[in-house]
C-alpha atoms as a PDB file:
ATOM      1  CA  MET A   1      -0.516  22.560   7.720  1.00  0.00           C
ATOM      2  CA  TYR A   2       1.241  19.533   9.230  1.00  0.00           C
ATOM      3  CA  LYS A   3       3.438  16.464   7.955  1.00  0.00           C
ATOM      4  CA  ILE A   4       4.171  13.034   9.415  1.00  0.00           C
ATOM      5  CA  ILE A   5       7.633  11.449   9.219  1.00  0.00           C
ATOM      6  CA  ILE A   6       7.732   7.793  10.182  1.00  0.00           C
ATOM      7  CA  ASP A   7      10.585   5.656  10.031  1.00  0.00           C
ATOM      8  CA  SER A   8      10.864   3.035   7.395  1.00  0.00           C
ATOM      9  CA  CYS A   9      10.070   0.170  10.654  1.00  0.00           C
ATOM     10  CA  GLY A  10       6.376   1.615  10.172  1.00  0.00           C
ATOM     11  CA  GLU A  11       4.814   0.880   6.743  1.00  0.00           C
ATOM     12  CA  LEU A  12       2.615   3.441   5.126  1.00  0.00           C
ATOM     13  CA  SER A  13      -0.121   1.889   2.797  1.00  0.00           C
ATOM     14  CA  LYS A  14      -1.415   2.997  -0.396  1.00  0.00           C
ATOM     15  CA  GLU A  15      -3.501   5.708   0.836  1.00  0.00           C
ATOM     16  CA  MET A  16      -0.929   7.320   3.128  1.00  0.00           C
ATOM     17  CA  GLN A  17       1.333   7.480   0.610  1.00  0.00           C
ATOM     18  CA  GLU A  18      -1.075   9.050  -1.626  1.00  0.00           C
ATOM     19  CA  ASP A  19      -2.286  11.293   1.089  1.00  0.00           C
ATOM     20  CA  GLY A  20       0.311  13.377   0.828  1.00  0.00           C
ATOM     21  CA  HIS A  21       1.024  14.243   4.746  1.00  0.00           C
ATOM     22  CA  PHE A  22       3.022  11.034   5.071  1.00  0.00           C
ATOM     23  CA  GLU A  23       7.027   9.819   4.263  1.00  0.00           C
ATOM     24  CA  ASN A  24       8.857   7.435   5.317  1.00  0.00           C
ATOM     25  CA  VAL A  25      13.040   8.289   6.485  1.00  0.00           C
ATOM     26  CA  PRO A  26      14.275   4.684   5.768  1.00  0.00           C
ATOM     27  CA  LEU A  27      16.582   2.580   7.470  1.00  0.00           C
ATOM     28  CA  THR A  28      19.639   0.795   5.585  1.00  0.00           C
ATOM     29  CA  LEU A  29      19.449  -3.013   5.173  1.00  0.00           C
ATOM     30  CA  GLN A  30      22.639  -5.336   5.074  1.00  0.00           C
ATOM     31  CA  ILE A  31      23.307  -8.636   4.992  1.00  0.00           C
ATOM     32  CA  GLY A  32      26.397 -10.251   3.707  1.00  0.00           C
ATOM     33  CA  ASP A  33      28.121  -7.589   1.058  1.00  0.00           C
ATOM     34  CA  THR A  34      24.270  -6.728   0.344  1.00  0.00           C
ATOM     35  CA  GLU A  35      23.603  -3.328   1.446  1.00  0.00           C
ATOM     36  CA  ILE A  36      20.366  -1.312   0.339  1.00  0.00           C
ATOM     37  CA  VAL A  37      18.297   1.799   1.550  1.00  0.00           C
ATOM     38  CA  ASP A  38      14.655   0.295   2.529  1.00  0.00           C
ATOM     39  CA  ASP A  39      13.005   2.605   0.434  1.00  0.00           C
ATOM     40  CA  LYS A  40      10.755   0.152  -1.505  1.00  0.00           C
ATOM     41  CA  SER A  41      12.783   0.207  -4.608  1.00  0.00           C
ATOM     42  CA  PHE A  42      14.583  -2.685  -4.130  1.00  0.00           C
ATOM     43  CA  ASP A  43      13.406  -6.724  -4.554  1.00  0.00           C
ATOM     44  CA  GLN A  44      12.304  -7.460  -1.363  1.00  0.00           C
ATOM     45  CA  ALA A  45      11.441 -11.209  -1.543  1.00  0.00           C
ATOM     46  CA  ASP A  46      15.232 -11.562  -3.272  1.00  0.00           C
ATOM     47  CA  PHE A  47      17.022  -9.561   0.327  1.00  0.00           C
ATOM     48  CA  LEU A  48      14.830 -12.081   2.310  1.00  0.00           C
ATOM     49  CA  LYS A  49      16.022 -15.083   0.210  1.00  0.00           C
ATOM     50  CA  LYS A  50      19.568 -13.780   1.149  1.00  0.00           C
ATOM     51  CA  VAL A  51      18.828 -13.808   4.896  1.00  0.00           C
ATOM     52  CA  ALA A  52      17.844 -17.037   4.867  1.00  0.00           C
ATOM     53  CA  GLU A  53      20.650 -18.251   2.689  1.00  0.00           C
ATOM     54  CA  SER A  54      23.423 -16.461   4.657  1.00  0.00           C
ATOM     55  CA  GLU A  55      25.454 -17.731   7.626  1.00  0.00           C
ATOM     56  CA  GLU A  56      25.722 -14.286   9.271  1.00  0.00           C
ATOM     57  CA  GLY A  57      22.459 -12.239  10.692  1.00  0.00           C
ATOM     58  CA  PRO A  58      21.090  -9.343   8.818  1.00  0.00           C
ATOM     59  CA  LYS A  59      22.359  -5.311  10.032  1.00  0.00           C
ATOM     60  CA  SER A  60      20.081  -2.685  10.105  1.00  0.00           C
ATOM     61  CA  ALA A  61      21.270   1.081  10.473  1.00  0.00           C
ATOM     62  CA  CYS A  62      18.904   3.954  11.935  1.00  0.00           C
ATOM     63  CA  PRO A  63      17.945   6.902   9.638  1.00  0.00           C
ATOM     64  CA  SER A  64      20.818   9.781  10.008  1.00  0.00           C
ATOM     65  CA  PRO A  65      19.884  13.103  11.734  1.00  0.00           C
ATOM     66  CA  ASP A  66      20.522  14.733   8.175  1.00  0.00           C
ATOM     67  CA  ALA A  67      17.947  12.122   6.672  1.00  0.00           C
ATOM     68  CA  TYR A  68      15.424  13.423   9.043  1.00  0.00           C
ATOM     69  CA  MET A  69      15.989  16.763   8.816  1.00  0.00           C
ATOM     70  CA  GLN A  70      15.681  16.976   4.933  1.00  0.00           C
ATOM     71  CA  ALA A  71      12.544  15.208   5.757  1.00  0.00           C
ATOM     72  CA  MET A  72      11.330  18.054   8.272  1.00  0.00           C
ATOM     73  CA  ASP A  73      12.159  20.609   5.104  1.00  0.00           C
ATOM     74  CA  CYS A  74       9.014  21.401   4.297  1.00  0.00           C
ATOM     75  CA  ASP A  75       6.154  24.115   4.464  1.00  0.00           C
ATOM     76  CA  ALA A  76       4.223  22.091   7.131  1.00  0.00           C
ATOM     77  CA  GLU A  77       3.915  24.353  10.178  1.00  0.00           C
ATOM     78  CA  HIS A  78       3.535  20.544  12.348  1.00  0.00           C
ATOM     79  CA  ILE A  79       6.096  18.175  11.980  1.00  0.00           C
ATOM     80  CA  TYR A  80       5.381  15.208  13.966  1.00  0.00           C
ATOM     81  CA  VAL A  81       8.054  12.293  13.468  1.00  0.00           C
ATOM     82  CA  ILE A  82       7.099   9.047  14.169  1.00  0.00           C
ATOM     83  CA  THR A  83      10.171   6.047  15.485  1.00  0.00           C
ATOM     84  CA  LEU A  84      10.771   2.546  16.618  1.00  0.00           C
ATOM     85  CA  SER A  85      10.686   2.171  19.670  1.00  0.00           C
ATOM     86  CA  SER A  86      13.811   3.602  21.516  1.00  0.00           C
ATOM     87  CA  GLN A  87      14.103   0.522  23.139  1.00  0.00           C
ATOM     88  CA  LEU A  88      14.794  -1.183  20.055  1.00  0.00           C
ATOM     89  CA  SER A  89      16.838   1.438  18.133  1.00  0.00           C
ATOM     90  CA  GLY A  90      18.799   4.106  17.824  1.00  0.00           C
ATOM     91  CA  SER A  91      16.310   5.856  15.226  1.00  0.00           C
ATOM     92  CA  TYR A  92      14.173   7.826  18.269  1.00  0.00           C
ATOM     93  CA  ASN A  93      17.549   9.732  19.418  1.00  0.00           C
ATOM     94  CA  SER A  94      18.657  10.617  15.668  1.00  0.00           C
ATOM     95  CA  ALA A  95      15.379  12.106  14.751  1.00  0.00           C
ATOM     96  CA  CYS A  96      16.050  14.134  18.406  1.00  0.00           C
ATOM     97  CA  LEU A  97      19.220  15.562  17.469  1.00  0.00           C
ATOM     98  CA  ALA A  98      17.895  16.033  13.871  1.00  0.00           C
ATOM     99  CA  LYS A  99      14.870  17.986  15.597  1.00  0.00           C
ATOM    100  CA  ASP A 100      17.420  20.606  17.422  1.00  0.00           C
ATOM    101  CA  LEU A 101      19.923  21.214  14.640  1.00  0.00           C
ATOM    102  CA  PHE A 102      16.823  22.073  12.529  1.00  0.00           C
ATOM    103  CA  LEU A 103      15.187  24.227  15.153  1.00  0.00           C
ATOM    104  CA  GLU A 104      18.538  26.419  15.373  1.00  0.00           C
ATOM    105  CA  ASP A 105      17.410  27.831  11.581  1.00  0.00           C
ATOM    106  CA  ASN A 106      13.528  26.977  11.895  1.00  0.00           C
ATOM    107  CA  GLU A 107      12.595  28.555  15.351  1.00  0.00           C
ATOM    108  CA  ASP A 108       9.004  28.784  13.635  1.00  0.00           C
ATOM    109  CA  LYS A 109       8.333  25.882  13.245  1.00  0.00           C
ATOM    110  CA  LYS A 110       6.741  22.970  15.827  1.00  0.00           C
ATOM    111  CA  ILE A 111       8.115  19.799  15.583  1.00  0.00           C
ATOM    112  CA  CYS A 112       7.281  16.730  17.973  1.00  0.00           C
ATOM    113  CA  ILE A 113       9.293  13.650  18.277  1.00  0.00           C
ATOM    114  CA  ILE A 114       7.272  10.552  18.999  1.00  0.00           C
ATOM    115  CA  ASP A 115       8.576   7.201  20.999  1.00  0.00           C
ATOM    116  CA  SER A 116       6.477   4.913  19.412  1.00  0.00           C
ATOM    117  CA  LYS A 117       7.045   2.327  21.955  1.00  0.00           C
ATOM    118  CA  SER A 118       6.393  -0.288  19.143  1.00  0.00           C
ATOM    119  CA  ALA A 119       7.309  -0.765  15.555  1.00  0.00           C
ATOM    120  CA  SER A 120       5.418  -1.630  12.084  1.00  0.00           C
ATOM    121  CA  ILE A 121       1.882  -1.501  12.643  1.00  0.00           C
ATOM    122  CA  GLY A 122       1.709   0.317  15.755  1.00  0.00           C
ATOM    123  CA  GLU A 123       3.773   3.178  14.191  1.00  0.00           C
ATOM    124  CA  SER A 124       1.145   3.416  11.111  1.00  0.00           C
ATOM    125  CA  LEU A 125      -1.902   3.484  13.575  1.00  0.00           C
ATOM    126  CA  ILE A 126       0.069   6.540  15.370  1.00  0.00           C
ATOM    127  CA  GLY A 127       0.177   8.389  12.038  1.00  0.00           C
ATOM    128  CA  LEU A 128      -3.444   7.843  10.658  1.00  0.00           C
ATOM    129  CA  HIS A 129      -4.406   9.022  14.420  1.00  0.00           C
ATOM    130  CA  ILE A 130      -2.085  12.211  14.384  1.00  0.00           C
ATOM    131  CA  ALA A 131      -3.970  12.735  10.965  1.00  0.00           C
ATOM    132  CA  ALA A 132      -7.254  12.136  12.377  1.00  0.00           C
ATOM    133  CA  CYS A 133      -6.883  14.849  15.406  1.00  0.00           C
ATOM    134  CA  GLU A 134      -4.919  17.547  12.611  1.00  0.00           C
ATOM    135  CA  GLU A 135      -8.069  17.183  10.452  1.00  0.00           C
ATOM    136  CA  ALA A 136     -10.416  17.451  13.430  1.00  0.00           C
ATOM    137  CA  GLY A 137      -8.916  20.576  13.864  1.00  0.00           C
ATOM    138  CA  MET A 138      -6.616  20.206  16.720  1.00  0.00           C
ATOM    139  CA  ASP A 139      -4.212  22.200  17.443  1.00  0.00           C
ATOM    140  CA  PHE A 140      -0.350  21.217  17.964  1.00  0.00           C
ATOM    141  CA  GLU A 141      -0.601  21.036  21.761  1.00  0.00           C
ATOM    142  CA  THR A 142      -3.827  18.998  21.678  1.00  0.00           C
ATOM    143  CA  VAL A 143      -2.450  16.700  19.382  1.00  0.00           C
ATOM    144  CA  VAL A 144       0.810  15.644  20.946  1.00  0.00           C
ATOM    145  CA  GLU A 145      -1.381  15.278  24.454  1.00  0.00           C
ATOM    146  CA  ASN A 146      -3.503  13.362  22.553  1.00  0.00           C
ATOM    147  CA  VAL A 147      -1.333  11.016  20.970  1.00  0.00           C
ATOM    148  CA  GLU A 148       0.199   9.996  24.358  1.00  0.00           C
ATOM    149  CA  LYS A 149      -2.563   8.661  25.387  1.00  0.00           C
ATOM    150  CA  TYR A 150      -3.522   7.141  22.234  1.00  0.00           C
ATOM    151  CA  ILE A 151      -0.228   5.111  22.928  1.00  0.00           C
ATOM    152  CA  GLU A 152      -0.934   4.175  25.926  1.00  0.00           C
ATOM    153  CA  GLU A 153      -3.910   2.664  25.083  1.00  0.00           C
ATOM    154  CA  GLN A 154      -1.998   0.636  22.131  1.00  0.00           C
ATOM    155  CA  HIS A 155      -0.641  -3.310  21.861  1.00  0.00           C
ATOM    156  CA  THR A 156       0.933  -5.235  19.691  1.00  0.00           C
ATOM    157  CA  PHE A 157       1.065  -9.044  19.310  1.00  0.00           C
ATOM    158  CA  PHE A 158       3.684 -11.523  16.583  1.00  0.00           C
ATOM    159  CA  VAL A 159       4.664 -14.714  16.362  1.00  0.00           C
ATOM    160  CA  LEU A 160       7.129 -15.845  14.731  1.00  0.00           C
ATOM    161  CA  GLU A 161       7.540 -18.917  12.012  1.00  0.00           C
ATOM    162  CA  SER A 162      11.419 -19.289  12.213  1.00  0.00           C
ATOM    163  CA  LEU A 163      13.800 -18.621  15.263  1.00  0.00           C
ATOM    164  CA  GLU A 164      16.884 -18.976  12.286  1.00  0.00           C
ATOM    165  CA  THR A 165      17.355 -15.777  11.803  1.00  0.00           C
ATOM    166  CA  LEU A 166      17.456 -14.313  15.485  1.00  0.00           C
ATOM    167  CA  ARG A 167      19.944 -17.077  16.014  1.00  0.00           C
ATOM    168  CA  LYS A 168      22.034 -15.791  12.795  1.00  0.00           C
ATOM    169  CA  ALA A 169      22.093 -12.306  14.636  1.00  0.00           C
ATOM    170  CA  GLY A 170      23.177 -13.922  18.289  1.00  0.00           C
ATOM    171  CA  ARG A 171      19.809 -13.076  19.439  1.00  0.00           C
ATOM    172  CA  LEU A 172      18.864 -16.556  20.563  1.00  0.00           C
ATOM    173  CA  SER A 173      21.436 -19.799  21.450  1.00  0.00           C
ATOM    174  CA  ASN A 174      21.449 -22.289  18.693  1.00  0.00           C
ATOM    175  CA  LEU A 175      20.413 -25.376  21.268  1.00  0.00           C
ATOM    176  CA  LYS A 176      17.131 -23.526  21.590  1.00  0.00           C
ATOM    177  CA  ALA A 177      16.890 -22.703  18.137  1.00  0.00           C
ATOM    178  CA  LYS A 178      17.215 -26.364  17.235  1.00  0.00           C
ATOM    179  CA  LEU A 179      14.824 -27.594  19.739  1.00  0.00           C
ATOM    180  CA  ALA A 180      12.010 -24.922  18.859  1.00  0.00           C
ATOM    181  CA  SER A 181      12.946 -26.024  14.948  1.00  0.00           C
ATOM    182  CA  THR A 182      12.760 -29.754  15.892  1.00  0.00           C
ATOM    183  CA  LEU A 183       9.708 -29.934  18.176  1.00  0.00           C
ATOM    184  CA  ASN A 184       7.971 -27.076  15.729  1.00  0.00           C
ATOM    185  CA  ILE A 185       7.823 -24.200  18.489  1.00  0.00           C
ATOM    186  CA  LYS A 186       6.301 -21.460  17.865  1.00  0.00           C
ATOM    187  CA  PRO A 187       7.074 -18.212  20.254  1.00  0.00           C
ATOM    188  CA  ILE A 188       4.253 -15.844  21.010  1.00  0.00           C
ATOM    189  CA  MET A 189       5.522 -11.916  21.456  1.00  0.00           C
ATOM    190  CA  GLY A 190       4.083  -8.733  22.861  1.00  0.00           C
ATOM    191  CA  SER A 191       5.218  -5.602  22.877  1.00  0.00           C
ATOM    192  CA  THR A 192       5.463  -4.201  26.929  1.00  0.00           C
ATOM    193  CA  GLU A 193       4.790  -0.369  28.054  1.00  0.00           C
ATOM    194  CA  GLU A 194       8.272   0.616  28.023  1.00  0.00           C
ATOM    195  CA  GLY A 195       8.423  -0.657  24.564  1.00  0.00           C
ATOM    196  CA  SER A 196      10.918  -3.662  24.941  1.00  0.00           C
ATOM    197  CA  ILE A 197       9.756  -7.142  23.329  1.00  0.00           C
ATOM    198  CA  GLN A 198       8.597 -10.090  25.949  1.00  0.00           C
ATOM    199  CA  GLN A 199       7.512 -14.043  25.483  1.00  0.00           C
ATOM    200  CA  LEU A 200       4.160 -14.371  26.200  1.00  0.00           C
ATOM    201  CA  ALA A 201       3.696 -18.035  25.277  1.00  0.00           C
ATOM    202  CA  GLN A 202       4.621 -20.736  22.832  1.00  0.00           C
ATOM    203  CA  ALA A 203       2.733 -23.214  21.018  1.00  0.00           C
ATOM    204  CA  ARG A 204       3.709 -26.112  18.900  1.00  0.00           C
ATOM    205  CA  GLY A 205       2.658 -25.355  15.311  1.00  0.00           C
ATOM    206  CA  MET A 206       1.753 -21.992  13.765  1.00  0.00           C
ATOM    207  CA  ASN A 207      -2.183 -22.425  13.989  1.00  0.00           C
ATOM    208  CA  LYS A 208      -1.966 -22.867  17.625  1.00  0.00           C
ATOM    209  CA  ALA A 209       0.661 -20.047  18.156  1.00  0.00           C
ATOM    210  CA  GLN A 210      -1.681 -18.018  16.013  1.00  0.00           C
ATOM    211  CA  SER A 211      -5.246 -18.805  17.989  1.00  0.00           C
ATOM    212  CA  ILE A 212      -2.905 -17.774  21.360  1.00  0.00           C
ATOM    213  CA  MET A 213      -1.939 -14.607  19.934  1.00  0.00           C
ATOM    214  CA  ILE A 214      -5.513 -13.696  19.010  1.00  0.00           C
ATOM    215  CA  ASP A 215      -7.328 -14.874  22.450  1.00  0.00           C
ATOM    216  CA  ALA A 216      -4.370 -13.168  24.030  1.00  0.00           C
ATOM    217  CA  MET A 217      -5.835  -9.883  22.032  1.00  0.00           C
ATOM    218  CA  GLN A 218      -9.425 -10.381  22.548  1.00  0.00           C
ATOM    219  CA  LYS A 219      -8.330 -10.825  26.684  1.00  0.00           C
ATOM    220  CA  ASP A 220      -6.275  -7.010  26.312  1.00  0.00           C
ATOM    221  CA  ILE A 221      -9.325  -5.897  24.608  1.00  0.00           C
ATOM    222  CA  ASP A 222     -12.017  -7.123  27.008  1.00  0.00           C
ATOM    223  CA  GLY A 223      -9.932  -5.721  29.183  1.00  0.00           C
ATOM    224  CA  ARG A 224      -8.429  -2.596  28.254  1.00  0.00           C
ATOM    225  CA  PHE A 225     -10.810  -1.564  26.054  1.00  0.00           C
ATOM    226  CA  ALA A 226     -14.657  -3.253  26.432  1.00  0.00           C
ATOM    227  CA  LYS A 227     -16.341   0.005  26.794  1.00  0.00           C
ATOM    228  CA  PHE A 228     -14.810   1.055  23.327  1.00  0.00           C
ATOM    229  CA  ALA A 229     -15.418  -2.605  21.968  1.00  0.00           C
ATOM    230  CA  ALA A 230     -18.978  -2.926  22.959  1.00  0.00           C
ATOM    231  CA  GLU A 231     -19.491   0.116  20.570  1.00  0.00           C
ATOM    232  CA  ASN A 232     -17.197  -1.402  18.105  1.00  0.00           C
ATOM    233  CA  LYS A 233     -14.719   1.712  18.221  1.00  0.00           C
ATOM    234  CA  VAL A 234     -11.153  -0.362  18.145  1.00  0.00           C
ATOM    235  CA  HIS A 235      -8.914  -0.341  15.625  1.00  0.00           C
ATOM    236  CA  MET A 236      -7.216  -3.331  14.121  1.00  0.00           C
ATOM    237  CA  LYS A 237      -4.001  -3.409  12.180  1.00  0.00           C
ATOM    238  CA  ALA A 238      -3.156  -7.274  10.861  1.00  0.00           C
ATOM    239  CA  SER A 239       0.693  -7.550   8.950  1.00  0.00           C
ATOM    240  CA  TYR A 240       2.830 -10.393   7.693  1.00  0.00           C
ATOM    241  CA  THR A 241       6.206 -11.089   6.090  1.00  0.00           C
ATOM    242  CA  LEU A 242       4.486 -12.915   3.354  1.00  0.00           C
ATOM    243  CA  THR A 243       4.721 -12.307  -0.580  1.00  0.00           C
ATOM    244  CA  ALA A 244       1.503 -11.275  -2.052  1.00  0.00           C
ATOM    245  CA  ASP A 245       0.499 -14.584  -3.887  1.00  0.00           C
ATOM    246  CA  ASP A 246       0.918 -16.439  -0.345  1.00  0.00           C
ATOM    247  CA  PRO A 247      -2.130 -18.067   0.156  1.00  0.00           C
ATOM    248  CA  GLU A 248      -1.659 -17.845   3.928  1.00  0.00           C
ATOM    249  CA  ARG A 249      -1.610 -14.072   3.696  1.00  0.00           C
ATOM    250  CA  LYS A 250      -5.466 -14.089   2.882  1.00  0.00           C
ATOM    251  CA  ALA A 251      -6.025 -16.799   5.424  1.00  0.00           C
ATOM    252  CA  TRP A 252      -4.310 -14.558   8.060  1.00  0.00           C
ATOM    253  CA  GLU A 253      -6.259 -11.958   7.372  1.00  0.00           C
ATOM    254  CA  ASP A 254      -9.703 -13.731   7.314  1.00  0.00           C
ATOM    255  CA  HIS A 255      -8.175 -15.586  11.004  1.00  0.00           C
ATOM    256  CA  VAL A 256      -8.317 -11.645  12.713  1.00  0.00           C
ATOM    257  CA  LYS A 257     -11.387 -10.460  10.586  1.00  0.00           C
ATOM    258  CA  SER A 258     -13.722 -13.707  11.723  1.00  0.00           C
ATOM    259  CA  THR A 259     -12.540 -12.815  15.515  1.00  0.00           C
ATOM    260  CA  PHE A 260     -12.870  -8.852  15.119  1.00  0.00           C
ATOM    261  CA  GLY A 261     -15.175  -8.258  12.167  1.00  0.00           C
ATOM    262  CA  ASN A 262     -17.007  -5.210  13.868  1.00  0.00           C
ATOM    263  CA  PHE A 263     -13.793  -3.100  14.538  1.00  0.00           C
ATOM    264  CA  ASP A 264     -11.931  -0.944  12.007  1.00  0.00           C
ATOM    265  CA  PHE A 265      -9.740  -3.102  10.075  1.00  0.00           C
ATOM    266  CA  THR A 266      -7.326  -2.823   7.890  1.00  0.00           C
ATOM    267  CA  ALA A 267      -4.098  -5.002   6.720  1.00  0.00           C
ATOM    268  CA  GLU A 268      -0.716  -4.664   5.150  1.00  0.00           C
ATOM    269  CA  PRO A 269       2.987  -6.635   4.745  1.00  0.00           C
ATOM    270  CA  LEU A 270       5.400  -5.464   7.377  1.00  0.00           C
ATOM    271  CA  PRO A 271       7.556  -3.609   6.025  1.00  0.00           C
ATOM    272  CA  MET A 272      11.653  -4.805   5.214  1.00  0.00           C
ATOM    273  CA  SER A 273      13.048  -3.151   8.410  1.00  0.00           C
ATOM    274  CA  ILE A 274      11.088  -5.281  10.763  1.00  0.00           C
ATOM    275  CA  SER A 275      11.042  -8.207   8.024  1.00  0.00           C
ATOM    276  CA  THR A 276      14.777  -8.638   7.764  1.00  0.00           C
ATOM    277  CA  HIS A 277      15.259  -9.176  11.648  1.00  0.00           C
ATOM    278  CA  ILE A 278      12.429 -11.757  12.005  1.00  0.00           C
ATOM    279  CA  GLY A 279      12.257 -14.102   8.743  1.00  0.00           C
ATOM    280  CA  TYR A 280       9.605 -14.809   6.280  1.00  0.00           C
ATOM    281  CA  GLY A 281       6.166 -16.295   7.503  1.00  0.00           C
ATOM    282  CA  ALA A 282       5.781 -14.199  10.799  1.00  0.00           C
ATOM    283  CA  TYR A 283       2.476 -12.381  11.676  1.00  0.00           C
ATOM    284  CA  ALA A 284       1.477  -9.435  14.058  1.00  0.00           C
ATOM    285  CA  VAL A 285      -1.681  -8.207  15.035  1.00  0.00           C
ATOM    286  CA  ALA A 286      -2.681  -4.771  16.614  1.00  0.00           C
ATOM    287  CA  CYS A 287      -5.159  -2.628  18.291  1.00  0.00           C
ATOM    288  CA  SER A 288      -5.834   0.571  20.033  1.00  0.00           C
ATOM    289  CA  CYS A 289      -9.046   2.620  21.004  1.00  0.00           C
ATOM    290  CA  TYR A 290     -10.589   5.449  19.065  1.00  0.00           C
ATOM    291  CA  ILE A 291      -9.590   8.530  21.442  1.00  0.00           C
ATOM    292  CA  PRO A 292     -12.810  10.213  22.915  1.00  0.00           C
ATOM    293  CA  GLU A 293     -12.143  13.731  22.591  1.00  0.00           C
ATOM    294  CA  LEU A 294     -11.736  12.967  18.523  1.00  0.00           C
ATOM    295  CA  GLU A 295     -14.926  10.960  18.461  1.00  0.00           C
ATOM    296  CA  GLY A 296     -16.887  14.167  19.897  1.00  0.00           C
ATOM    297  CA  GLU A 297     -17.323  12.731  22.862  1.00  0.00           C
END
C-alpha cells in the first residue's frame, strides 16, 4: 500500500484526487493583510485580483513539518513526498525534518522525500510516475531509483504575460519591468538541472513567445528523447494561470496538442501557490519520457 504526498505547488487533477493515493499538503499565501491556506477552498480569481491590485508583492510559506507528519500518518507502508524544488522553497527541508521526526515512532514505514527540481506540472508528472511504478509491482527501493532517473529526464518551460508581480516581489527592477511592459516583451523561462530557473529567451508578444517556447521543447525532445518520441513514449503536460472560461486557455491547449498530438497529453491550471508569484496569463509546458523498466523493455 502506498501514498503520494505533494505540496500544493503541484496540482492534482480530478483523476488524481479521486484515486485515493494522492494528497496535497498546502502552502500558506499572503497578500497585504489577507492570508489564506492554499487548499482550493478559497476564491482563486478574487485572490489573483488582489495580487494585481496590491502595491506589495505576494508572500508564501512552505508547509510545516507538522503538516507533513499529519499527511504521513496513514496506513500506507510506502510514502513518497514530492516537493517544490529545494532551490526555490523550504518545502523540501520541512518534509525531510518531518520524515526524521515521524520515523522516531514509526520505524516500520518506508518514506522517501523527493526534491522535484521543478514545480507545478513537474511535481504532478513525478507523482503519476511513482503511482505507475507502484501499480507495476516495483519494490520501494526500485521505485525510488526509478523516479530519480525520471526527474533527470524531465524539463519544464514557461512564459509570463507580465513581469509586474516579479517587480513587486523585488525580483526585478522597476526599470526592467517598465521596459518589458512598454515593449511588450515576454520572457521565456526554463528549469535547470539543479532545479533553479533561468531565462532562455525573450520575445515581443505572447504568440511569438509561445512559439519560441514550443520550439525549445521540440528541440529538447529531438535531442534527449528522440528514441522515445519516435515511439510516442513521451508524457506532455500543459498548464496556465487562466480562468476556466478564458478563451486563451483552450487556444494554448490546442497549440500544444497540434504540435505534440501523438504524445500522452494532459492540461491543468497552475496551482495558486505558483500563480500567486507569476501572475495571470502565464503558460507552462513540461515533458518527460517513459521509463523502459516500466514498459517491460
